[in-house]
Amino acid sequence: MISTVILQAAGGSSSMLSTLVPMVLIMVVFYFFMIRPQVKKAKDHKKLIGELKKGDKIVTTAGIHGRIADMNDTTFLIEVEGGTKIRFDKTAVSLDATKAAAPKVDLAKTDAKA
């Protein structure tokens, strides 16, 4: 019985290695397919919030479209249709509609292909 334990302990390093390699590979896959894209998305959202200024058109995560009437450190005062003003947390902004509304189209390039 003791000899069996000694043999298992001696051969345990290779089985431990064969168990550890797939776990490391799974962690690498999780990093590149889940963690890294989420960090990039959060960084882009923070940049978007930092670039917004008074008068910009925005869309909130709730789907409310409006124009920034006033802003402070943590919130935006958004003016929606009819002059109604709503205060939203800055993190609730999902899109800068000012930039998204006017896509740039180069007519010279589109005509050249036709």
C-alpha atoms as a PDB file:
ATOM      1  CA  MET A   1       0.000   0.000   0.000  1.00  0.00           C
ATOM      2  CA  ILE A   2       2.813   2.396   0.831  1.00  0.00           C
ATOM      3  CA  SER A   3       4.638   1.437  -2.371  1.00  0.00           C
ATOM      4  CA  THR A   4       1.512   2.369  -4.372  1.00  0.00           C
ATOM      5  CA  VAL A   5       1.471   5.851  -2.791  1.00  0.00           C
ATOM      6  CA  ILE A   6       5.179   6.318  -3.535  1.00  0.00           C
ATOM      7  CA  LEU A   7       4.668   5.274  -7.175  1.00  0.00           C
ATOM      8  CA  GLN A   8       1.730   7.647  -7.561  1.00  0.00           C
ATOM      9  CA  ALA A   9       3.743  10.478  -6.057  1.00  0.00           C
ATOM     10  CA  ALA A  10       6.620   9.813  -8.436  1.00  0.00           C
ATOM     11  CA  GLY A  11       4.342   9.768 -11.497  1.00  0.00           C
ATOM     12  CA  GLY A  12       2.217  12.659 -10.230  1.00  0.00           C
ATOM     13  CA  SER A  13       4.339  15.383 -11.766  1.00  0.00           C
ATOM     14  CA  SER A  14       3.553  14.358 -15.340  1.00  0.00           C
ATOM     15  CA  SER A  15      -0.169  14.000 -14.639  1.00  0.00           C
ATOM     16  CA  MET A  16      -0.100  17.346 -12.869  1.00  0.00           C
ATOM     17  CA  LEU A  17       1.528  18.909 -15.917  1.00  0.00           C
ATOM     18  CA  SER A  18      -1.025  17.336 -18.254  1.00  0.00           C
ATOM     19  CA  THR A  19      -3.791  18.828 -16.088  1.00  0.00           C
ATOM     20  CA  LEU A  20      -2.169  22.232 -15.780  1.00  0.00           C
ATOM     21  CA  VAL A  21      -1.560  22.830 -19.508  1.00  0.00           C
ATOM     22  CA  PRO A  22      -5.255  22.686 -20.535  1.00  0.00           C
ATOM     23  CA  MET A  23      -6.186  24.951 -17.624  1.00  0.00           C
ATOM     24  CA  VAL A  24      -3.617  27.534 -18.727  1.00  0.00           C
ATOM     25  CA  LEU A  25      -4.874  27.318 -22.311  1.00  0.00           C
ATOM     26  CA  ILE A  26      -8.453  27.869 -21.131  1.00  0.00           C
ATOM     27  CA  MET A  27      -7.348  30.948 -19.178  1.00  0.00           C
ATOM     28  CA  VAL A  28      -5.554  32.341 -22.235  1.00  0.00           C
ATOM     29  CA  VAL A  29      -8.665  31.800 -24.378  1.00  0.00           C
ATOM     30  CA  PHE A  30     -10.853  33.517 -21.759  1.00  0.00           C
ATOM     31  CA  TYR A  31      -8.478  36.476 -21.686  1.00  0.00           C
ATOM     32  CA  PHE A  32      -8.395  37.008 -25.459  1.00  0.00           C
ATOM     33  CA  PHE A  33     -12.064  36.303 -26.171  1.00  0.00           C
ATOM     34  CA  MET A  34     -13.795  37.698 -23.076  1.00  0.00           C
ATOM     35  CA  ILE A  35     -11.702  39.858 -20.774  1.00  0.00           C
ATOM     36  CA  ARG A  36      -9.642  41.853 -23.301  1.00  0.00           C
ATOM     37  CA  PRO A  37     -12.637  42.911 -25.463  1.00  0.00           C
ATOM     38  CA  GLN A  38     -14.582  44.014 -22.370  1.00  0.00           C
ATOM     39  CA  VAL A  39     -11.660  46.153 -21.161  1.00  0.00           C
ATOM     40  CA  LYS A  40     -11.357  47.717 -24.643  1.00  0.00           C
ATOM     41  CA  LYS A  41     -15.093  48.413 -24.755  1.00  0.00           C
ATOM     42  CA  ALA A  42     -14.992  50.056 -21.311  1.00  0.00           C
ATOM     43  CA  LYS A  43     -12.014  52.196 -22.348  1.00  0.00           C
ATOM     44  CA  ASP A  44     -13.808  53.302 -25.543  1.00  0.00           C
ATOM     45  CA  HIS A  45     -16.968  54.168 -23.568  1.00  0.00           C
ATOM     46  CA  LYS A  46     -14.953  56.226 -21.083  1.00  0.00           C
ATOM     47  CA  LYS A  47     -13.338  58.091 -24.009  1.00  0.00           C
ATOM     48  CA  LEU A  48     -16.789  58.718 -25.541  1.00  0.00           C
ATOM     49  CA  ILE A  49     -18.108  60.164 -22.284  1.00  0.00           C
ATOM     50  CA  GLY A  50     -15.039  62.362 -21.898  1.00  0.00           C
ATOM     51  CA  GLU A  51     -15.399  63.850 -25.388  1.00  0.00           C
ATOM     52  CA  LEU A  52     -19.073  64.837 -25.040  1.00  0.00           C
ATOM     53  CA  LYS A  53     -19.862  68.508 -24.623  1.00  0.00           C
ATOM     54  CA  LYS A  54     -22.878  70.762 -24.224  1.00  0.00           C
ATOM     55  CA  GLY A  55     -25.084  70.726 -27.330  1.00  0.00           C
ATOM     56  CA  ASP A  56     -24.136  67.216 -28.525  1.00  0.00           C
ATOM     57  CA  LYS A  57     -26.935  64.861 -29.508  1.00  0.00           C
ATOM     58  CA  ILE A  58     -26.846  61.572 -27.601  1.00  0.00           C
ATOM     59  CA  VAL A  59     -28.754  58.326 -27.151  1.00  0.00           C
ATOM     60  CA  THR A  60     -29.036  56.761 -23.704  1.00  0.00           C
ATOM     61  CA  THR A  61     -28.980  53.057 -22.912  1.00  0.00           C
ATOM     62  CA  ALA A  62     -32.755  53.323 -22.415  1.00  0.00           C
ATOM     63  CA  GLY A  63     -33.099  54.529 -26.022  1.00  0.00           C
ATOM     64  CA  ILE A  64     -33.914  58.147 -25.193  1.00  0.00           C
ATOM     65  CA  HIS A  65     -32.647  60.603 -27.804  1.00  0.00           C
ATOM     66  CA  GLY A  66     -31.793  64.127 -26.726  1.00  0.00           C
ATOM     67  CA  ARG A  67     -29.339  66.988 -26.660  1.00  0.00           C
ATOM     68  CA  ILE A  68     -27.019  67.772 -23.733  1.00  0.00           C
ATOM     69  CA  ALA A  69     -28.322  70.951 -22.090  1.00  0.00           C
ATOM     70  CA  ASP A  70     -25.996  70.955 -19.094  1.00  0.00           C
ATOM     71  CA  MET A  71     -23.415  68.692 -17.510  1.00  0.00           C
ATOM     72  CA  ASN A  72     -21.499  68.245 -14.275  1.00  0.00           C
ATOM     73  CA  ASP A  73     -18.979  65.678 -12.998  1.00  0.00           C
ATOM     74  CA  THR A  74     -21.344  62.697 -12.904  1.00  0.00           C
ATOM     75  CA  THR A  75     -24.549  63.625 -14.771  1.00  0.00           C
ATOM     76  CA  PHE A  76     -25.938  65.113 -17.961  1.00  0.00           C
ATOM     77  CA  LEU A  77     -29.085  67.222 -18.198  1.00  0.00           C
ATOM     78  CA  ILE A  78     -30.646  66.043 -21.456  1.00  0.00           C
ATOM     79  CA  GLU A  79     -33.245  68.043 -23.325  1.00  0.00           C
ATOM     80  CA  VAL A  80     -35.697  65.859 -25.219  1.00  0.00           C
ATOM     81  CA  GLU A  81     -38.492  66.780 -27.614  1.00  0.00           C
ATOM     82  CA  GLY A  82     -40.885  69.404 -26.334  1.00  0.00           C
ATOM     83  CA  GLY A  83     -38.326  71.081 -24.085  1.00  0.00           C
ATOM     84  CA  THR A  84     -38.511  68.419 -21.391  1.00  0.00           C
ATOM     85  CA  LYS A  85     -35.265  68.045 -19.487  1.00  0.00           C
ATOM     86  CA  ILE A  86     -34.145  64.800 -17.858  1.00  0.00           C
ATOM     87  CA  ARG A  87     -31.049  64.240 -15.725  1.00  0.00           C
ATOM     88  CA  PHE A  88     -29.076  61.084 -16.541  1.00  0.00           C
ATOM     89  CA  ASP A  89     -25.929  59.552 -15.134  1.00  0.00           C
ATOM     90  CA  LYS A  90     -23.015  59.850 -17.573  1.00  0.00           C
ATOM     91  CA  THR A  91     -22.647  56.070 -17.705  1.00  0.00           C
ATOM     92  CA  ALA A  92     -26.170  55.809 -19.173  1.00  0.00           C
ATOM     93  CA  VAL A  93     -25.027  57.350 -22.478  1.00  0.00           C
ATOM     94  CA  SER A  94     -24.530  54.724 -25.155  1.00  0.00           C
ATOM     95  CA  LEU A  95     -24.025  56.703 -28.371  1.00  0.00           C
ATOM     96  CA  ASP A  96     -22.915  60.114 -29.588  1.00  0.00           C
ATOM     97  CA  ALA A  97     -25.642  60.731 -32.163  1.00  0.00           C
ATOM     98  CA  THR A  98     -23.914  63.868 -33.442  1.00  0.00           C
ATOM     99  CA  LYS A  99     -21.097  61.769 -34.898  1.00  0.00           C
ATOM    100  CA  ALA A 100     -23.239  58.756 -35.781  1.00  0.00           C
ATOM    101  CA  ALA A 101     -25.923  60.748 -37.625  1.00  0.00           C
ATOM    102  CA  ALA A 102     -23.710  62.119 -40.377  1.00  0.00           C
ATOM    103  CA  PRO A 103     -21.663  59.365 -42.006  1.00  0.00           C
ATOM    104  CA  LYS A 104     -19.000  60.710 -44.329  1.00  0.00           C
ATOM    105  CA  VAL A 105     -19.456  59.560 -47.909  1.00  0.00           C
ATOM    106  CA  ASP A 106     -16.880  60.329 -50.554  1.00  0.00           C
ATOM    107  CA  LEU A 107     -18.900  60.752 -53.761  1.00  0.00           C
ATOM    108  CA  ALA A 108     -15.801  60.692 -55.969  1.00  0.00           C
ATOM    109  CA  LYS A 109     -15.031  57.142 -54.847  1.00  0.00           C
ATOM    110  CA  THR A 110     -18.610  55.908 -55.320  1.00  0.00           C
ATOM    111  CA  ASP A 111     -18.885  57.431 -58.811  1.00  0.00           C
ATOM    112  CA  ALA A 112     -15.552  55.960 -59.910  1.00  0.00           C
ATOM    113  CA  LYS A 113     -16.791  52.421 -59.203  1.00  0.00           C
ATOM    114  CA  ALA A 114     -19.961  52.817 -61.301  1.00  0.00           C
END
